């Protein structure tokens, strides 16, 4: 009984979302064979992904998911965005969910739910609070999509937004979009609650200790 409870707790805590790419490899003007360039291009600098040109869009090969996440970074002060692409079937058919530095400052200050490669047809609005870096997680069900922003990387979203599109997408691919100098790290898929955070192992130690001392004693 004790072993079963311990296994269930460990599974609940350590079942991670799938990190598809941490970009931890040498600088290159190519993301590698796991990615397909749809528009523009993307490369690696300092173990993070970035767009080679404005309006770049890339998809991850062989993965279908209704959600994805990434760590996004505002770099410099120029106009820039980082986007998660969901429901991909073509450049013009996908849910394009982004955060953007519109004002030219050092923070992302806007979000958008668009169709296609920054194609509009959705909503563009100001964030409740700007940020320079965060983990963003996007998901959709039917025609409704959600964006969650975790700017202190503690596993709890600080902001969330939703939008209901006028028509559904026909695909299920996932990817990234870039404009300007923005950079992205740790791209993956999975439910937000499953995404491991730094220090998560330390948080579970007390619970494991309780189970250990509650185990049946052997005679």
N, C-alpha and C. Protein backbone atom coordinates (compact mmCIF):
# COMPACT_ATOMS: atom_id res chain seq x y z
N UNK A 1 0.83 -1.20 0.00
CA UNK A 1 0.00 0.00 0.00
C UNK A 1 0.87 1.26 0.00
N UNK A 2 1.88 1.23 0.89
CA UNK A 2 2.80 2.38 0.96
C UNK A 2 3.51 2.59 -0.37
N UNK A 3 4.00 1.51 -0.97
CA UNK A 3 4.71 1.63 -2.23
C UNK A 3 3.80 2.17 -3.32
N UNK A 4 2.55 1.74 -3.33
CA UNK A 4 1.60 2.23 -4.34
C UNK A 4 1.35 3.72 -4.17
N UNK A 5 1.17 4.15 -2.90
CA UNK A 5 0.94 5.58 -2.65
C UNK A 5 2.15 6.41 -3.04
N UNK A 6 3.35 5.89 -2.71
CA UNK A 6 4.58 6.59 -3.08
C UNK A 6 4.72 6.72 -4.58
N UNK A 7 4.39 5.67 -5.30
CA UNK A 7 4.48 5.70 -6.76
C UNK A 7 3.50 6.70 -7.36
N UNK A 8 2.28 6.75 -6.80
CA UNK A 8 1.29 7.70 -7.31
C UNK A 8 1.73 9.14 -7.07
N UNK A 9 2.29 9.40 -5.89
CA UNK A 9 2.74 10.76 -5.60
C UNK A 9 3.89 11.16 -6.52
N UNK A 10 4.83 10.26 -6.67
CA UNK A 10 5.96 10.56 -7.54
C UNK A 10 5.51 10.81 -8.97
N UNK A 11 4.56 10.01 -9.45
CA UNK A 11 4.05 10.18 -10.81
C UNK A 11 3.36 11.52 -10.96
N UNK A 12 2.59 11.92 -9.95
CA UNK A 12 1.86 13.18 -10.01
C UNK A 12 2.82 14.36 -10.05
N UNK A 13 3.92 14.26 -9.32
CA UNK A 13 4.85 15.39 -9.24
C UNK A 13 5.81 15.42 -10.40
N UNK A 14 6.31 14.27 -10.81
CA UNK A 14 7.41 14.25 -11.75
C UNK A 14 6.98 13.96 -13.19
N UNK A 15 5.69 13.69 -13.45
CA UNK A 15 5.26 13.47 -14.82
C UNK A 15 5.41 14.77 -15.60
N UNK A 16 6.47 14.92 -16.39
CA UNK A 16 6.73 16.21 -17.02
C UNK A 16 6.01 16.38 -18.34
N UNK A 17 5.74 17.62 -18.68
CA UNK A 17 5.35 17.90 -20.05
C UNK A 17 6.57 17.65 -20.93
N UNK A 18 6.30 17.48 -22.21
CA UNK A 18 7.38 17.13 -23.13
C UNK A 18 8.09 18.38 -23.62
N UNK A 19 9.35 18.57 -23.22
CA UNK A 19 10.17 19.64 -23.78
C UNK A 19 10.69 19.14 -25.13
N UNK A 20 10.19 19.70 -26.19
CA UNK A 20 10.57 19.25 -27.52
C UNK A 20 11.94 19.76 -27.92
N UNK A 21 12.28 20.99 -27.51
CA UNK A 21 13.57 21.56 -27.90
C UNK A 21 14.00 22.60 -26.88
N UNK A 22 15.18 22.39 -26.29
CA UNK A 22 15.74 23.38 -25.39
C UNK A 22 16.78 24.27 -26.08
N UNK A 23 17.05 23.98 -27.36
CA UNK A 23 17.94 24.79 -28.20
C UNK A 23 19.38 24.87 -27.65
N UNK A 24 19.75 23.92 -26.84
CA UNK A 24 21.09 23.93 -26.25
C UNK A 24 22.10 23.28 -27.19
N UNK A 25 22.48 24.02 -28.19
CA UNK A 25 23.47 23.57 -29.15
C UNK A 25 24.14 24.80 -29.77
N UNK A 26 25.19 24.61 -30.53
CA UNK A 26 25.94 25.77 -31.03
C UNK A 26 25.10 26.72 -31.87
N UNK A 27 25.49 27.97 -31.87
CA UNK A 27 24.82 28.99 -32.68
C UNK A 27 24.79 28.54 -34.15
N UNK A 28 23.66 28.78 -34.78
CA UNK A 28 23.47 28.32 -36.15
C UNK A 28 22.33 29.10 -36.77
N UNK A 29 22.35 29.26 -38.07
CA UNK A 29 21.23 29.88 -38.78
C UNK A 29 20.22 28.83 -39.22
N UNK A 30 20.02 27.83 -38.39
CA UNK A 30 19.11 26.72 -38.69
C UNK A 30 18.75 26.06 -37.37
N UNK A 31 17.48 25.69 -37.21
CA UNK A 31 17.08 25.01 -35.98
C UNK A 31 17.32 23.51 -36.02
N UNK A 32 17.64 22.98 -37.20
CA UNK A 32 17.92 21.56 -37.29
C UNK A 32 16.80 20.77 -37.93
N UNK A 33 17.00 19.44 -38.07
CA UNK A 33 16.09 18.61 -38.85
C UNK A 33 14.71 18.38 -38.22
N UNK A 34 14.56 18.70 -36.94
CA UNK A 34 13.26 18.51 -36.30
C UNK A 34 12.26 19.62 -36.63
N UNK A 35 12.73 20.63 -37.31
CA UNK A 35 11.90 21.79 -37.60
C UNK A 35 11.71 21.97 -39.11
N UNK A 36 10.55 22.51 -39.48
CA UNK A 36 10.27 22.88 -40.86
C UNK A 36 10.05 24.39 -40.93
N UNK A 37 10.75 25.04 -41.84
CA UNK A 37 10.59 26.48 -42.04
C UNK A 37 9.40 26.72 -42.95
N UNK A 38 8.42 27.45 -42.45
CA UNK A 38 7.24 27.79 -43.24
C UNK A 38 7.41 29.16 -43.88
N UNK A 39 7.97 30.10 -43.13
CA UNK A 39 8.22 31.45 -43.65
C UNK A 39 9.45 32.01 -42.96
N UNK A 40 10.25 32.76 -43.70
CA UNK A 40 11.44 33.36 -43.13
C UNK A 40 12.46 32.32 -42.74
N UNK A 41 12.74 32.20 -41.48
CA UNK A 41 13.69 31.23 -40.99
C UNK A 41 13.97 31.49 -39.53
N UNK A 42 14.62 30.55 -38.86
CA UNK A 42 14.96 30.70 -37.45
C UNK A 42 16.29 30.02 -37.19
N UNK A 43 17.02 30.55 -36.24
CA UNK A 43 18.31 29.99 -35.88
C UNK A 43 18.48 29.96 -34.38
N UNK A 44 19.70 29.70 -33.95
CA UNK A 44 20.03 29.60 -32.53
C UNK A 44 21.13 30.59 -32.20
N UNK A 45 20.96 31.30 -31.11
CA UNK A 45 22.00 32.16 -30.57
C UNK A 45 21.94 32.07 -29.05
N UNK A 46 23.07 31.79 -28.44
CA UNK A 46 23.12 31.70 -26.99
C UNK A 46 22.16 30.69 -26.40
N UNK A 47 21.99 29.54 -27.09
CA UNK A 47 21.10 28.47 -26.63
C UNK A 47 19.62 28.88 -26.60
N UNK A 48 19.27 29.82 -27.44
CA UNK A 48 17.87 30.21 -27.61
C UNK A 48 17.57 30.37 -29.10
N UNK A 49 16.31 30.21 -29.45
CA UNK A 49 15.88 30.35 -30.84
C UNK A 49 15.51 31.80 -31.12
N UNK A 50 15.73 32.22 -32.37
CA UNK A 50 15.35 33.56 -32.78
C UNK A 50 15.00 33.54 -34.27
N UNK A 51 14.27 34.55 -34.72
CA UNK A 51 13.89 34.63 -36.12
C UNK A 51 14.98 35.26 -36.96
N UNK A 52 15.24 34.64 -38.10
CA UNK A 52 16.25 35.21 -39.00
C UNK A 52 15.70 36.43 -39.75
N UNK A 53 14.41 36.42 -39.99
CA UNK A 53 13.76 37.55 -40.63
C UNK A 53 12.46 37.84 -39.90
N UNK A 54 11.88 38.99 -40.15
CA UNK A 54 10.57 39.28 -39.58
C UNK A 54 9.52 38.37 -40.21
N UNK A 55 8.46 38.11 -39.45
CA UNK A 55 7.37 37.24 -39.89
C UNK A 55 7.84 35.81 -40.14
N UNK A 56 8.82 35.35 -39.37
CA UNK A 56 9.27 33.97 -39.50
C UNK A 56 8.30 33.04 -38.78
N UNK A 57 8.08 31.87 -39.37
CA UNK A 57 7.22 30.85 -38.76
C UNK A 57 7.84 29.49 -39.01
N UNK A 58 7.98 28.70 -37.95
CA UNK A 58 8.55 27.36 -38.06
C UNK A 58 7.64 26.39 -37.30
N UNK A 59 7.57 25.15 -37.77
CA UNK A 59 6.77 24.13 -37.10
C UNK A 59 7.65 22.96 -36.70
N UNK A 60 7.23 22.29 -35.62
CA UNK A 60 7.98 21.14 -35.13
C UNK A 60 7.43 19.88 -35.78
N UNK A 61 8.30 19.08 -36.33
CA UNK A 61 7.89 17.94 -37.13
C UNK A 61 7.31 16.80 -36.28
N UNK A 62 6.22 16.23 -36.78
CA UNK A 62 5.69 15.00 -36.23
C UNK A 62 4.97 15.11 -34.91
N UNK A 63 4.61 16.30 -34.48
CA UNK A 63 3.93 16.47 -33.20
C UNK A 63 2.58 17.14 -33.42
N UNK A 64 1.54 16.54 -32.87
CA UNK A 64 0.20 17.12 -32.89
C UNK A 64 -0.22 17.38 -31.45
N UNK A 65 -0.70 18.57 -31.18
CA UNK A 65 -1.12 18.91 -29.83
C UNK A 65 -2.04 20.12 -29.87
N UNK A 66 -2.93 20.19 -28.90
CA UNK A 66 -3.80 21.36 -28.78
C UNK A 66 -3.22 22.39 -27.84
N UNK A 67 -1.99 22.19 -27.37
CA UNK A 67 -1.36 23.16 -26.48
C UNK A 67 0.14 23.15 -26.69
N UNK A 68 0.78 24.22 -26.30
CA UNK A 68 2.23 24.32 -26.36
C UNK A 68 2.68 25.44 -25.44
N UNK A 69 3.94 25.38 -25.06
CA UNK A 69 4.49 26.42 -24.19
C UNK A 69 5.90 26.77 -24.64
N UNK A 70 6.38 27.91 -24.18
CA UNK A 70 7.74 28.34 -24.48
C UNK A 70 8.12 29.45 -23.52
N UNK A 71 9.42 29.58 -23.27
CA UNK A 71 9.94 30.71 -22.53
C UNK A 71 10.30 31.80 -23.53
N UNK A 72 9.80 33.00 -23.32
CA UNK A 72 9.98 34.08 -24.30
C UNK A 72 10.73 35.24 -23.65
N UNK A 73 11.55 35.91 -24.48
CA UNK A 73 12.41 36.97 -23.97
C UNK A 73 12.37 38.17 -24.91
N UNK A 74 12.10 39.33 -24.32
CA UNK A 74 12.20 40.58 -25.05
C UNK A 74 13.67 40.99 -25.10
N UNK A 75 14.18 41.21 -26.30
CA UNK A 75 15.60 41.53 -26.47
C UNK A 75 15.71 42.92 -27.07
N UNK A 76 16.32 43.84 -26.35
CA UNK A 76 16.44 45.20 -26.86
C UNK A 76 15.14 45.96 -26.72
N UNK A 77 14.98 46.97 -27.57
CA UNK A 77 13.82 47.86 -27.45
C UNK A 77 13.00 47.96 -28.73
N UNK A 78 13.37 47.22 -29.76
CA UNK A 78 12.66 47.34 -31.03
C UNK A 78 11.36 46.56 -31.05
N UNK A 79 10.55 46.85 -32.06
CA UNK A 79 9.31 46.11 -32.26
C UNK A 79 9.63 44.63 -32.43
N UNK A 80 8.96 43.79 -31.64
CA UNK A 80 9.22 42.35 -31.70
C UNK A 80 8.05 41.58 -31.11
N UNK A 81 7.91 40.34 -31.55
CA UNK A 81 6.94 39.44 -30.92
C UNK A 81 7.49 38.02 -30.92
N UNK A 82 6.90 37.21 -30.04
CA UNK A 82 7.13 35.77 -30.02
C UNK A 82 5.76 35.13 -29.97
N UNK A 83 5.57 34.11 -30.81
CA UNK A 83 4.24 33.52 -30.95
C UNK A 83 4.28 32.00 -30.82
N UNK A 84 3.23 31.45 -30.26
CA UNK A 84 2.98 30.01 -30.30
C UNK A 84 1.96 29.75 -31.39
N UNK A 85 2.26 28.76 -32.20
CA UNK A 85 1.38 28.38 -33.31
C UNK A 85 0.70 27.06 -32.97
N UNK A 86 -0.62 27.04 -33.04
CA UNK A 86 -1.41 25.84 -32.73
C UNK A 86 -2.36 25.55 -33.88
N UNK A 87 -2.77 24.29 -34.00
CA UNK A 87 -3.74 23.90 -35.03
C UNK A 87 -3.21 24.11 -36.43
N UNK A 88 -1.90 23.97 -36.61
CA UNK A 88 -1.28 24.30 -37.89
C UNK A 88 -1.62 23.28 -38.97
N UNK A 89 -2.05 23.78 -40.13
CA UNK A 89 -2.14 22.97 -41.34
C UNK A 89 -1.48 23.68 -42.52
N UNK A 90 -1.39 25.01 -42.46
CA UNK A 90 -0.71 25.79 -43.49
C UNK A 90 -0.36 27.15 -42.90
N UNK A 91 0.40 27.93 -43.67
CA UNK A 91 0.80 29.24 -43.18
C UNK A 91 -0.39 30.14 -42.88
N UNK A 92 -1.47 29.96 -43.61
CA UNK A 92 -2.64 30.81 -43.42
C UNK A 92 -3.70 30.17 -42.53
N UNK A 93 -3.51 28.90 -42.16
CA UNK A 93 -4.50 28.20 -41.35
C UNK A 93 -3.84 27.68 -40.07
N UNK A 94 -3.91 28.48 -39.03
CA UNK A 94 -3.44 28.11 -37.70
C UNK A 94 -3.89 29.19 -36.72
N UNK A 95 -3.89 28.84 -35.46
CA UNK A 95 -4.12 29.83 -34.41
C UNK A 95 -2.75 30.37 -33.99
N UNK A 96 -2.58 31.67 -34.15
CA UNK A 96 -1.29 32.35 -33.96
C UNK A 96 -1.44 33.22 -32.72
N UNK A 97 -0.83 32.80 -31.61
CA UNK A 97 -1.06 33.44 -30.31
C UNK A 97 0.27 34.03 -29.85
N UNK A 98 0.31 35.35 -29.68
CA UNK A 98 1.61 36.00 -29.49
C UNK A 98 1.59 37.03 -28.36
N UNK A 99 2.81 37.37 -27.90
CA UNK A 99 3.03 38.54 -27.07
C UNK A 99 3.96 39.45 -27.86
N UNK A 100 3.75 40.76 -27.72
CA UNK A 100 4.44 41.71 -28.62
C UNK A 100 4.91 42.93 -27.86
N UNK A 101 6.08 43.43 -28.26
CA UNK A 101 6.58 44.73 -27.83
C UNK A 101 6.17 45.73 -28.91
N UNK A 102 5.11 46.43 -28.65
CA UNK A 102 4.58 47.35 -29.65
C UNK A 102 5.12 48.75 -29.47
N UNK A 103 5.46 49.12 -28.23
CA UNK A 103 5.79 50.50 -27.92
C UNK A 103 7.26 50.83 -28.11
N UNK A 104 8.11 49.81 -28.33
CA UNK A 104 9.53 50.06 -28.46
C UNK A 104 10.27 50.10 -27.15
N UNK A 105 9.64 49.72 -26.05
CA UNK A 105 10.30 49.68 -24.75
C UNK A 105 11.05 48.38 -24.55
N UNK A 106 11.31 48.06 -23.32
CA UNK A 106 12.07 46.85 -22.99
C UNK A 106 11.17 45.69 -22.58
N UNK A 107 9.86 45.85 -22.73
CA UNK A 107 8.94 44.81 -22.30
C UNK A 107 7.92 44.48 -23.38
N UNK A 108 7.44 43.24 -23.35
CA UNK A 108 6.24 42.90 -24.10
C UNK A 108 5.06 43.59 -23.41
N UNK A 109 4.25 44.25 -24.20
CA UNK A 109 3.13 44.99 -23.63
C UNK A 109 1.79 44.65 -24.23
N UNK A 110 1.77 43.78 -25.25
CA UNK A 110 0.53 43.44 -25.92
C UNK A 110 0.44 41.94 -26.16
N UNK A 111 -0.77 41.48 -26.43
CA UNK A 111 -1.01 40.09 -26.83
C UNK A 111 -1.96 40.09 -28.01
N UNK A 112 -1.98 38.98 -28.72
CA UNK A 112 -2.91 38.86 -29.85
C UNK A 112 -3.27 37.41 -30.08
N UNK A 113 -4.49 37.21 -30.54
CA UNK A 113 -4.97 35.94 -31.06
C UNK A 113 -5.28 36.18 -32.54
N UNK A 114 -4.48 35.62 -33.42
CA UNK A 114 -4.65 35.83 -34.85
C UNK A 114 -4.84 34.50 -35.57
N UNK A 115 -5.25 34.60 -36.83
CA UNK A 115 -5.20 33.48 -37.75
C UNK A 115 -3.92 33.56 -38.58
N UNK A 116 -3.35 32.42 -38.91
CA UNK A 116 -2.24 32.42 -39.86
C UNK A 116 -0.99 33.07 -39.31
N UNK A 117 -0.05 33.33 -40.20
CA UNK A 117 1.24 33.89 -39.81
C UNK A 117 1.11 35.38 -39.55
N UNK A 118 0.72 35.71 -38.30
CA UNK A 118 0.45 37.09 -37.92
C UNK A 118 -0.59 37.71 -38.84
N UNK A 119 -1.56 36.90 -39.22
CA UNK A 119 -2.48 37.30 -40.27
C UNK A 119 -3.66 38.13 -39.86
N UNK A 120 -3.78 38.46 -38.59
CA UNK A 120 -4.92 39.27 -38.16
C UNK A 120 -6.18 38.44 -38.03
N UNK A 121 -7.31 39.10 -38.17
CA UNK A 121 -8.59 38.40 -38.09
C UNK A 121 -8.98 37.97 -36.70
N UNK A 122 -8.32 38.52 -35.67
CA UNK A 122 -8.63 38.13 -34.30
C UNK A 122 -8.70 39.34 -33.40
N UNK A 123 -7.86 39.36 -32.36
CA UNK A 123 -7.85 40.48 -31.43
C UNK A 123 -6.41 40.83 -31.08
N UNK A 124 -6.15 42.13 -30.94
CA UNK A 124 -4.86 42.65 -30.50
C UNK A 124 -5.15 43.64 -29.38
N UNK A 125 -4.52 43.42 -28.21
CA UNK A 125 -4.87 44.26 -27.06
C UNK A 125 -3.67 44.38 -26.14
N UNK A 126 -3.78 45.31 -25.19
CA UNK A 126 -2.72 45.51 -24.22
C UNK A 126 -2.77 44.51 -23.09
N UNK A 127 -1.60 44.11 -22.61
CA UNK A 127 -1.51 43.25 -21.44
C UNK A 127 -1.89 44.04 -20.19
N UNK A 128 -2.35 43.33 -19.17
CA UNK A 128 -2.60 43.98 -17.89
C UNK A 128 -1.30 44.46 -17.26
N UNK A 129 -0.21 43.73 -17.53
CA UNK A 129 1.09 44.10 -16.99
C UNK A 129 2.17 43.65 -17.96
N UNK A 130 3.08 44.55 -18.31
CA UNK A 130 4.16 44.21 -19.22
C UNK A 130 5.20 43.33 -18.55
N UNK A 131 6.01 42.67 -19.36
CA UNK A 131 7.08 41.81 -18.83
C UNK A 131 8.18 41.70 -19.88
N UNK A 132 9.38 41.41 -19.41
CA UNK A 132 10.50 41.24 -20.32
C UNK A 132 10.81 39.78 -20.60
N UNK A 133 10.40 38.88 -19.72
CA UNK A 133 10.57 37.45 -19.94
C UNK A 133 9.48 36.70 -19.20
N UNK A 134 9.08 35.56 -19.73
CA UNK A 134 8.02 34.76 -19.11
C UNK A 134 7.93 33.41 -19.80
N UNK A 135 7.29 32.49 -19.13
CA UNK A 135 6.84 31.27 -19.79
C UNK A 135 5.40 31.51 -20.23
N UNK A 136 5.14 31.35 -21.51
CA UNK A 136 3.77 31.48 -22.00
C UNK A 136 3.28 30.10 -22.42
N UNK A 137 2.01 29.86 -22.17
CA UNK A 137 1.39 28.58 -22.48
C UNK A 137 0.08 28.88 -23.19
N UNK A 138 -0.15 28.24 -24.32
CA UNK A 138 -1.37 28.47 -25.10
C UNK A 138 -2.05 27.15 -25.37
N UNK A 139 -3.37 27.19 -25.39
CA UNK A 139 -4.15 25.99 -25.67
C UNK A 139 -5.46 26.39 -26.34
N UNK A 140 -6.11 25.44 -26.97
CA UNK A 140 -7.42 25.72 -27.54
C UNK A 140 -8.30 24.48 -27.47
N UNK A 141 -9.60 24.74 -27.47
CA UNK A 141 -10.60 23.68 -27.53
C UNK A 141 -11.71 24.19 -28.43
N UNK A 142 -11.95 23.48 -29.53
CA UNK A 142 -12.91 24.00 -30.50
C UNK A 142 -12.37 25.29 -31.11
N UNK A 143 -13.14 26.36 -30.97
CA UNK A 143 -12.70 27.64 -31.51
C UNK A 143 -12.26 28.62 -30.43
N UNK A 144 -12.21 28.19 -29.19
CA UNK A 144 -11.78 29.06 -28.11
C UNK A 144 -10.35 28.74 -27.72
N UNK A 145 -9.53 29.79 -27.62
CA UNK A 145 -8.12 29.64 -27.26
C UNK A 145 -7.82 30.45 -26.01
N UNK A 146 -6.79 30.00 -25.29
CA UNK A 146 -6.37 30.65 -24.06
C UNK A 146 -4.87 30.90 -24.09
N UNK A 147 -4.46 31.99 -23.48
CA UNK A 147 -3.06 32.33 -23.31
C UNK A 147 -2.80 32.58 -21.84
N UNK A 148 -1.79 31.89 -21.29
CA UNK A 148 -1.39 32.06 -19.89
C UNK A 148 0.05 32.57 -19.86
N UNK A 149 0.31 33.52 -18.96
CA UNK A 149 1.62 34.13 -18.85
C UNK A 149 2.14 33.97 -17.43
N UNK A 150 3.29 33.36 -17.30
CA UNK A 150 3.93 33.14 -16.00
C UNK A 150 5.25 33.90 -16.00
N UNK A 151 5.21 35.15 -15.54
CA UNK A 151 6.37 36.02 -15.67
C UNK A 151 7.41 35.83 -14.58
N UNK A 152 7.10 35.07 -13.53
CA UNK A 152 8.11 34.77 -12.53
C UNK A 152 8.49 33.29 -12.53
N UNK A 153 8.02 32.55 -13.52
CA UNK A 153 8.45 31.17 -13.73
C UNK A 153 8.22 30.29 -12.48
N UNK A 154 7.11 30.53 -11.79
CA UNK A 154 6.85 29.73 -10.59
C UNK A 154 5.78 28.67 -10.81
N UNK A 155 5.33 28.53 -12.07
CA UNK A 155 4.32 27.52 -12.37
C UNK A 155 2.89 28.00 -12.23
N UNK A 156 2.70 29.24 -11.77
CA UNK A 156 1.35 29.81 -11.62
C UNK A 156 1.21 31.02 -12.53
N UNK A 157 0.23 31.01 -13.42
CA UNK A 157 0.10 32.14 -14.36
C UNK A 157 -0.25 33.43 -13.65
N UNK A 158 0.41 34.50 -14.05
CA UNK A 158 0.14 35.82 -13.51
C UNK A 158 -0.95 36.54 -14.30
N UNK A 159 -1.08 36.16 -15.56
CA UNK A 159 -2.10 36.75 -16.42
C UNK A 159 -2.68 35.66 -17.31
N UNK A 160 -3.94 35.80 -17.68
CA UNK A 160 -4.53 34.88 -18.64
C UNK A 160 -5.56 35.61 -19.50
N UNK A 161 -5.64 35.18 -20.75
CA UNK A 161 -6.52 35.81 -21.73
C UNK A 161 -7.15 34.72 -22.58
N UNK A 162 -8.31 35.01 -23.14
CA UNK A 162 -8.96 34.04 -24.01
C UNK A 162 -9.63 34.76 -25.17
N UNK A 163 -9.89 33.98 -26.20
CA UNK A 163 -10.54 34.53 -27.39
C UNK A 163 -11.25 33.40 -28.12
N UNK A 164 -12.44 33.68 -28.63
CA UNK A 164 -13.18 32.71 -29.43
C UNK A 164 -13.13 33.12 -30.89
N UNK A 165 -12.47 32.30 -31.70
CA UNK A 165 -12.33 32.56 -33.12
C UNK A 165 -13.66 32.34 -33.84
N UNK A 166 -13.77 32.92 -35.01
CA UNK A 166 -14.99 32.77 -35.79
C UNK A 166 -15.10 31.46 -36.53
N UNK A 167 -13.98 30.78 -36.74
CA UNK A 167 -14.00 29.50 -37.45
C UNK A 167 -12.87 28.63 -36.92
N UNK A 168 -13.03 27.32 -37.01
CA UNK A 168 -12.00 26.41 -36.47
C UNK A 168 -10.83 26.25 -37.42
N UNK A 169 -9.75 25.73 -36.88
CA UNK A 169 -8.62 25.34 -37.72
C UNK A 169 -8.77 23.86 -38.07
N UNK A 170 -8.09 23.45 -39.14
CA UNK A 170 -8.24 22.08 -39.61
C UNK A 170 -7.05 21.20 -39.28
N UNK A 171 -5.96 21.79 -38.81
CA UNK A 171 -4.76 21.00 -38.51
C UNK A 171 -4.54 20.82 -37.02
N UNK A 172 -3.39 20.23 -36.69
CA UNK A 172 -3.06 20.01 -35.28
C UNK A 172 -1.57 20.19 -35.02
N UNK A 173 -0.83 20.78 -35.97
CA UNK A 173 0.59 20.99 -35.79
C UNK A 173 0.89 22.13 -34.83
N UNK A 174 2.13 22.15 -34.34
CA UNK A 174 2.55 23.19 -33.39
C UNK A 174 3.83 23.84 -33.90
N UNK A 175 4.06 25.07 -33.49
CA UNK A 175 5.26 25.77 -33.93
C UNK A 175 5.46 27.08 -33.23
N UNK A 176 6.34 27.90 -33.81
CA UNK A 176 6.70 29.19 -33.24
C UNK A 176 6.71 30.27 -34.32
N UNK A 177 6.43 31.49 -33.90
CA UNK A 177 6.53 32.63 -34.79
C UNK A 177 7.44 33.69 -34.18
N UNK A 178 8.14 34.43 -35.04
CA UNK A 178 9.09 35.44 -34.57
C UNK A 178 8.96 36.73 -35.39
N UNK A 179 9.21 37.83 -34.72
CA UNK A 179 9.37 39.12 -35.39
C UNK A 179 10.37 39.92 -34.57
N UNK A 180 11.33 40.52 -35.24
CA UNK A 180 12.31 41.33 -34.54
C UNK A 180 13.28 40.48 -33.75
N UNK A 181 13.77 41.03 -32.63
CA UNK A 181 14.88 40.42 -31.90
C UNK A 181 14.46 39.44 -30.82
N UNK A 182 13.16 39.18 -30.66
CA UNK A 182 12.71 38.29 -29.59
C UNK A 182 13.36 36.92 -29.67
N UNK A 183 13.53 36.29 -28.52
CA UNK A 183 14.12 34.96 -28.45
C UNK A 183 13.23 34.02 -27.64
N UNK A 184 13.37 32.73 -27.92
CA UNK A 184 12.51 31.70 -27.32
C UNK A 184 13.38 30.56 -26.82
N UNK A 185 12.98 29.97 -25.71
CA UNK A 185 13.68 28.82 -25.15
C UNK A 185 12.67 27.79 -24.68
N UNK A 186 13.11 26.55 -24.51
CA UNK A 186 12.33 25.47 -23.89
C UNK A 186 10.92 25.34 -24.47
N UNK A 187 10.86 25.06 -25.76
CA UNK A 187 9.58 24.86 -26.43
C UNK A 187 9.10 23.44 -26.18
N UNK A 188 7.82 23.30 -25.84
CA UNK A 188 7.29 21.97 -25.59
C UNK A 188 5.79 21.93 -25.63
N UNK A 189 5.24 20.75 -25.38
CA UNK A 189 3.80 20.56 -25.33
C UNK A 189 3.45 19.85 -24.02
N UNK A 190 2.20 20.00 -23.59
CA UNK A 190 1.74 19.37 -22.37
C UNK A 190 0.88 20.31 -21.56
N UNK A 191 0.18 19.76 -20.58
CA UNK A 191 -0.66 20.58 -19.73
C UNK A 191 0.21 21.45 -18.82
N UNK A 192 -0.29 22.63 -18.51
CA UNK A 192 0.49 23.56 -17.72
C UNK A 192 0.88 22.97 -16.37
N UNK A 193 -0.01 22.23 -15.73
CA UNK A 193 0.27 21.68 -14.41
C UNK A 193 1.40 20.67 -14.45
N UNK A 194 1.72 20.14 -15.63
CA UNK A 194 2.76 19.13 -15.73
C UNK A 194 4.14 19.72 -16.01
N UNK A 195 4.21 21.01 -16.31
CA UNK A 195 5.49 21.60 -16.69
C UNK A 195 6.36 21.73 -15.45
N UNK A 196 7.51 21.07 -15.43
CA UNK A 196 8.36 21.12 -14.24
C UNK A 196 8.98 22.50 -14.05
N UNK A 197 9.05 22.95 -12.83
CA UNK A 197 9.65 24.23 -12.50
C UNK A 197 10.90 24.01 -11.65
N UNK A 198 11.83 24.94 -11.65
CA UNK A 198 13.00 24.81 -10.77
C UNK A 198 12.58 24.66 -9.32
N UNK A 199 13.19 23.71 -8.63
CA UNK A 199 12.89 23.51 -7.22
C UNK A 199 11.69 22.64 -6.96
N UNK A 200 11.05 22.09 -8.00
CA UNK A 200 9.85 21.29 -7.79
C UNK A 200 10.14 20.04 -6.97
N UNK A 201 11.35 19.50 -7.10
CA UNK A 201 11.71 18.32 -6.33
C UNK A 201 11.73 18.65 -4.83
N UNK A 202 12.23 19.84 -4.48
CA UNK A 202 12.29 20.23 -3.08
C UNK A 202 10.90 20.35 -2.48
N UNK A 203 9.94 20.78 -3.28
CA UNK A 203 8.59 20.94 -2.77
C UNK A 203 7.95 19.62 -2.40
N UNK A 204 8.34 18.54 -3.05
CA UNK A 204 7.71 17.27 -2.78
C UNK A 204 8.40 16.48 -1.68
N UNK A 205 9.57 16.89 -1.26
CA UNK A 205 10.29 16.14 -0.24
C UNK A 205 9.50 15.97 1.06
N UNK A 206 8.85 17.05 1.58
CA UNK A 206 8.08 16.85 2.81
C UNK A 206 6.99 15.79 2.66
N UNK A 207 6.29 15.79 1.50
CA UNK A 207 5.24 14.80 1.30
C UNK A 207 5.80 13.40 1.24
N UNK A 208 6.95 13.25 0.59
CA UNK A 208 7.58 11.94 0.53
C UNK A 208 8.01 11.51 1.93
N UNK A 209 8.44 12.46 2.75
CA UNK A 209 8.84 12.13 4.11
C UNK A 209 7.68 11.64 4.94
N UNK A 210 6.52 12.28 4.78
CA UNK A 210 5.33 11.83 5.50
C UNK A 210 5.00 10.39 5.13
N UNK A 211 5.03 10.09 3.84
CA UNK A 211 4.74 8.73 3.42
C UNK A 211 5.77 7.74 3.96
N UNK A 212 7.02 8.16 4.01
CA UNK A 212 8.08 7.26 4.48
C UNK A 212 7.86 6.88 5.95
N UNK A 213 7.57 7.90 6.78
CA UNK A 213 7.40 7.61 8.19
C UNK A 213 6.06 6.93 8.48
N UNK A 214 5.11 7.03 7.52
CA UNK A 214 3.82 6.37 7.71
C UNK A 214 3.82 4.97 7.17
N UNK A 215 4.96 4.52 6.64
CA UNK A 215 4.99 3.19 6.05
C UNK A 215 4.83 2.13 7.13
N UNK A 216 4.29 1.00 6.77
CA UNK A 216 4.15 -0.08 7.77
C UNK A 216 5.51 -0.56 8.22
N UNK A 217 5.69 -0.76 9.53
CA UNK A 217 6.94 -1.29 10.04
C UNK A 217 7.00 -2.78 9.85
N UNK A 218 8.20 -3.27 9.62
CA UNK A 218 8.38 -4.71 9.46
C UNK A 218 8.75 -5.37 10.79
N UNK A 219 8.15 -6.49 11.05
CA UNK A 219 8.46 -7.23 12.28
C UNK A 219 9.60 -8.20 12.01
